[in-house]
Amino acid sequence: MTSGAATKQAPLLTSSSLSEMTLWDASDLTTNTLKTWSPLKRLILRYVDLEPRDWAVVIEDLDFSALQELDLSHTNFSLKELVLLVKSIGKVDFTLPLRFLGLTYTQLRKRGDMPKLQAASDALKEKAPDAMVDF
């Protein structure tokens, strides 16, 4: 056991105390752990199968301002999601810092609608000219 300044500890929750729970202020416990928010530079979602509405949430909520790598390989990411991604990217008014977009082993492998896939790819290259897109 060491001596020194006493440290505050969060109250313990037990099953008996849950019925009599009171609110407590945790701000003094987190003061030293807060960090400034910064946008993602890498997002890797491999081997994930999402519902179309969940893909829409992920895509529409991405902050592209610092994103350099987006890897969606081995997922059920499809042409519909790629078109949505391109639309979301189209809303930004700057050149994207995106360097890599991984789309290997996705639903895009089916390549059913090549003209639409090519149009989406071209629009993506326009907004992220330095991006390597790996289909």
C-alpha atoms as a PDB file:
ATOM      1  CA  MET A   1       0.000   0.000   0.000  1.00  0.00           C
ATOM      2  CA  THR A   2       1.367   3.396  -0.935  1.00  0.00           C
ATOM      3  CA  SER A   3       0.787   6.694   0.773  1.00  0.00           C
ATOM      4  CA  GLY A   4      -0.020   9.884  -1.024  1.00  0.00           C
ATOM      5  CA  ALA A   5      -2.927  12.007  -2.129  1.00  0.00           C
ATOM      6  CA  ALA A   6      -6.276  10.282  -1.980  1.00  0.00           C
ATOM      7  CA  THR A   7      -7.984   9.765  -5.313  1.00  0.00           C
ATOM      8  CA  LYS A   8     -11.706  10.059  -5.941  1.00  0.00           C
ATOM      9  CA  GLN A   9     -13.439   6.903  -6.997  1.00  0.00           C
ATOM     10  CA  ALA A  10     -16.795   6.515  -8.640  1.00  0.00           C
ATOM     11  CA  PRO A  11     -19.492   5.056  -6.399  1.00  0.00           C
ATOM     12  CA  LEU A  12     -20.035   1.358  -6.915  1.00  0.00           C
ATOM     13  CA  LEU A  13     -23.406   0.202  -8.188  1.00  0.00           C
ATOM     14  CA  THR A  14     -24.704  -2.944  -6.615  1.00  0.00           C
ATOM     15  CA  SER A  15     -27.984  -4.711  -7.089  1.00  0.00           C
ATOM     16  CA  SER A  16     -29.159  -3.445  -3.707  1.00  0.00           C
ATOM     17  CA  SER A  17     -28.231   0.150  -4.525  1.00  0.00           C
ATOM     18  CA  LEU A  18     -29.976   0.213  -7.914  1.00  0.00           C
ATOM     19  CA  SER A  19     -33.368   0.725  -6.326  1.00  0.00           C
ATOM     20  CA  GLU A  20     -32.035   3.726  -4.410  1.00  0.00           C
ATOM     21  CA  MET A  21     -29.803   5.085  -7.169  1.00  0.00           C
ATOM     22  CA  THR A  22     -29.003   8.768  -7.070  1.00  0.00           C
ATOM     23  CA  LEU A  23     -27.355  10.815  -9.758  1.00  0.00           C
ATOM     24  CA  TRP A  24     -23.778  11.940  -9.214  1.00  0.00           C
ATOM     25  CA  ASP A  25     -21.531  14.353 -11.035  1.00  0.00           C
ATOM     26  CA  ALA A  26     -18.827  12.533 -13.012  1.00  0.00           C
ATOM     27  CA  SER A  27     -17.337  15.698 -14.510  1.00  0.00           C
ATOM     28  CA  ASP A  28     -14.542  15.800 -11.968  1.00  0.00           C
ATOM     29  CA  LEU A  29     -13.564  12.223 -12.877  1.00  0.00           C
ATOM     30  CA  THR A  30     -13.273  12.882 -16.597  1.00  0.00           C
ATOM     31  CA  THR A  31     -11.543  16.258 -16.573  1.00  0.00           C
ATOM     32  CA  ASN A  32      -8.128  14.795 -17.308  1.00  0.00           C
ATOM     33  CA  THR A  33      -9.320  12.335 -19.952  1.00  0.00           C
ATOM     34  CA  LEU A  34     -11.219  14.605 -22.334  1.00  0.00           C
ATOM     35  CA  LYS A  35      -9.563  15.134 -25.707  1.00  0.00           C
ATOM     36  CA  THR A  36     -10.349  17.402 -28.586  1.00  0.00           C
ATOM     37  CA  TRP A  37     -12.450  15.700 -31.226  1.00  0.00           C
ATOM     38  CA  SER A  38     -10.771  15.054 -34.548  1.00  0.00           C
ATOM     39  CA  PRO A  39     -12.261  13.423 -37.642  1.00  0.00           C
ATOM     40  CA  LEU A  40     -11.346   9.887 -38.645  1.00  0.00           C
ATOM     41  CA  LYS A  41      -8.361   9.329 -40.910  1.00  0.00           C
ATOM     42  CA  ARG A  42      -8.967   5.592 -41.353  1.00  0.00           C
ATOM     43  CA  LEU A  43     -12.179   3.596 -41.335  1.00  0.00           C
ATOM     44  CA  ILE A  44     -11.902  -0.126 -41.907  1.00  0.00           C
ATOM     45  CA  LEU A  45     -15.117  -2.148 -42.011  1.00  0.00           C
ATOM     46  CA  ARG A  46     -14.044  -5.504 -43.400  1.00  0.00           C
ATOM     47  CA  TYR A  47     -16.182  -8.633 -43.255  1.00  0.00           C
ATOM     48  CA  VAL A  48     -19.281  -6.693 -42.293  1.00  0.00           C
ATOM     49  CA  ASP A  49     -22.710  -7.210 -43.797  1.00  0.00           C
ATOM     50  CA  LEU A  50     -25.048  -4.320 -43.124  1.00  0.00           C
ATOM     51  CA  GLU A  51     -28.642  -3.683 -44.054  1.00  0.00           C
ATOM     52  CA  PRO A  52     -29.062  -1.019 -46.776  1.00  0.00           C
ATOM     53  CA  ARG A  53     -30.459   1.488 -44.262  1.00  0.00           C
ATOM     54  CA  ASP A  54     -27.421   0.916 -42.006  1.00  0.00           C
ATOM     55  CA  TRP A  55     -25.049   1.481 -44.939  1.00  0.00           C
ATOM     56  CA  ALA A  56     -26.925   4.719 -45.600  1.00  0.00           C
ATOM     57  CA  VAL A  57     -26.391   5.868 -42.003  1.00  0.00           C
ATOM     58  CA  VAL A  58     -22.678   5.047 -42.125  1.00  0.00           C
ATOM     59  CA  ILE A  59     -22.151   6.737 -45.486  1.00  0.00           C
ATOM     60  CA  GLU A  60     -24.221   9.844 -44.804  1.00  0.00           C
ATOM     61  CA  ASP A  61     -22.616  10.416 -41.401  1.00  0.00           C
ATOM     62  CA  LEU A  62     -19.004  10.092 -42.547  1.00  0.00           C
ATOM     63  CA  ASP A  63     -16.857  13.179 -42.164  1.00  0.00           C
ATOM     64  CA  PHE A  64     -14.697  13.205 -45.287  1.00  0.00           C
ATOM     65  CA  SER A  65     -12.592  16.198 -44.237  1.00  0.00           C
ATOM     66  CA  ALA A  66      -9.664  14.070 -43.013  1.00  0.00           C
ATOM     67  CA  LEU A  67     -10.555  10.558 -44.202  1.00  0.00           C
ATOM     68  CA  GLN A  68      -7.564   9.060 -46.008  1.00  0.00           C
ATOM     69  CA  GLU A  69      -8.459   5.383 -46.005  1.00  0.00           C
ATOM     70  CA  LEU A  70     -11.858   3.746 -46.327  1.00  0.00           C
ATOM     71  CA  ASP A  71     -11.742  -0.029 -46.581  1.00  0.00           C
ATOM     72  CA  LEU A  72     -15.039  -1.824 -47.115  1.00  0.00           C
ATOM     73  CA  SER A  73     -13.572  -5.047 -48.516  1.00  0.00           C
ATOM     74  CA  HIS A  74     -15.351  -8.354 -47.959  1.00  0.00           C
ATOM     75  CA  THR A  75     -18.685  -6.673 -47.258  1.00  0.00           C
ATOM     76  CA  ASN A  76     -22.065  -6.559 -48.930  1.00  0.00           C
ATOM     77  CA  PHE A  77     -21.355  -2.984 -50.125  1.00  0.00           C
ATOM     78  CA  SER A  78     -23.157  -2.671 -53.464  1.00  0.00           C
ATOM     79  CA  LEU A  79     -23.595  -0.308 -56.372  1.00  0.00           C
ATOM     80  CA  LYS A  80     -26.509   1.322 -54.546  1.00  0.00           C
ATOM     81  CA  GLU A  81     -24.202   2.200 -51.652  1.00  0.00           C
ATOM     82  CA  LEU A  82     -21.441   3.372 -54.012  1.00  0.00           C
ATOM     83  CA  VAL A  83     -23.876   5.756 -55.693  1.00  0.00           C
ATOM     84  CA  LEU A  84     -24.907   7.046 -52.250  1.00  0.00           C
ATOM     85  CA  LEU A  85     -21.240   7.433 -51.281  1.00  0.00           C
ATOM     86  CA  VAL A  86     -20.564   9.459 -54.440  1.00  0.00           C
ATOM     87  CA  LYS A  87     -23.620  11.645 -53.728  1.00  0.00           C
ATOM     88  CA  SER A  88     -22.403  12.267 -50.172  1.00  0.00           C
ATOM     89  CA  ILE A  89     -18.935  13.115 -51.428  1.00  0.00           C
ATOM     90  CA  GLY A  90     -20.475  15.426 -54.000  1.00  0.00           C
ATOM     91  CA  LYS A  91     -21.854  17.580 -51.187  1.00  0.00           C
ATOM     92  CA  VAL A  92     -18.397  18.599 -49.970  1.00  0.00           C
ATOM     93  CA  ASP A  93     -16.807  21.674 -51.481  1.00  0.00           C
ATOM     94  CA  PHE A  94     -13.176  20.598 -51.263  1.00  0.00           C
ATOM     95  CA  THR A  95     -10.883  17.978 -52.755  1.00  0.00           C
ATOM     96  CA  LEU A  96     -10.938  14.921 -50.527  1.00  0.00           C
ATOM     97  CA  PRO A  97      -7.774  13.727 -48.816  1.00  0.00           C
ATOM     98  CA  LEU A  98      -8.882  10.145 -49.548  1.00  0.00           C
ATOM     99  CA  ARG A  99      -5.917   8.016 -50.666  1.00  0.00           C
ATOM    100  CA  PHE A 100      -7.428   4.523 -50.633  1.00  0.00           C
ATOM    101  CA  LEU A 101     -10.899   3.070 -51.101  1.00  0.00           C
ATOM    102  CA  GLY A 102     -10.961  -0.694 -50.688  1.00  0.00           C
ATOM    103  CA  LEU A 103     -13.904  -2.389 -52.357  1.00  0.00           C
ATOM    104  CA  THR A 104     -12.531  -5.857 -53.110  1.00  0.00           C
ATOM    105  CA  TYR A 105     -14.816  -8.827 -52.591  1.00  0.00           C
ATOM    106  CA  THR A 106     -17.948  -6.691 -52.298  1.00  0.00           C
ATOM    107  CA  GLN A 107     -21.226  -6.884 -54.185  1.00  0.00           C
ATOM    108  CA  LEU A 108     -19.555  -4.672 -56.804  1.00  0.00           C
ATOM    109  CA  ARG A 109     -17.820  -7.811 -58.088  1.00  0.00           C
ATOM    110  CA  LYS A 110     -21.075  -8.715 -59.819  1.00  0.00           C
ATOM    111  CA  ARG A 111     -20.594  -5.673 -62.059  1.00  0.00           C
ATOM    112  CA  GLY A 112     -24.142  -5.923 -63.330  1.00  0.00           C
ATOM    113  CA  ASP A 113     -24.503  -2.280 -64.337  1.00  0.00           C
ATOM    114  CA  MET A 114     -21.119  -1.321 -65.770  1.00  0.00           C
ATOM    115  CA  PRO A 115     -22.151   2.136 -67.085  1.00  0.00           C
ATOM    116  CA  LYS A 116     -23.455   3.143 -63.640  1.00  0.00           C
ATOM    117  CA  LEU A 117     -20.367   1.702 -61.934  1.00  0.00           C
ATOM    118  CA  GLN A 118     -18.105   3.609 -64.334  1.00  0.00           C
ATOM    119  CA  ALA A 119     -20.043   6.849 -63.798  1.00  0.00           C
ATOM    120  CA  ALA A 120     -19.774   6.480 -60.002  1.00  0.00           C
ATOM    121  CA  SER A 121     -16.071   5.683 -60.271  1.00  0.00           C
ATOM    122  CA  ASP A 122     -15.463   8.735 -62.486  1.00  0.00           C
ATOM    123  CA  ALA A 123     -17.376  11.027 -60.105  1.00  0.00           C
ATOM    124  CA  LEU A 124     -15.355   9.646 -57.195  1.00  0.00           C
ATOM    125  CA  LYS A 125     -12.068  10.298 -59.018  1.00  0.00           C
ATOM    126  CA  GLU A 126     -13.162  13.877 -59.659  1.00  0.00           C
ATOM    127  CA  LYS A 127     -13.625  14.582 -55.938  1.00  0.00           C
ATOM    128  CA  ALA A 128     -10.711  12.411 -54.741  1.00  0.00           C
ATOM    129  CA  PRO A 129      -8.121  12.518 -57.539  1.00  0.00           C
ATOM    130  CA  ASP A 130      -5.388  10.956 -55.403  1.00  0.00           C
ATOM    131  CA  ALA A 131      -7.474   7.996 -54.309  1.00  0.00           C
ATOM    132  CA  MET A 132      -6.605   4.485 -55.379  1.00  0.00           C
ATOM    133  CA  VAL A 133      -9.855   2.588 -55.742  1.00  0.00           C
ATOM    134  CA  ASP A 134      -9.369  -1.144 -55.394  1.00  0.00           C
ATOM    135  CA  PHE A 135     -12.333  -3.074 -56.856  1.00  0.00           C
END
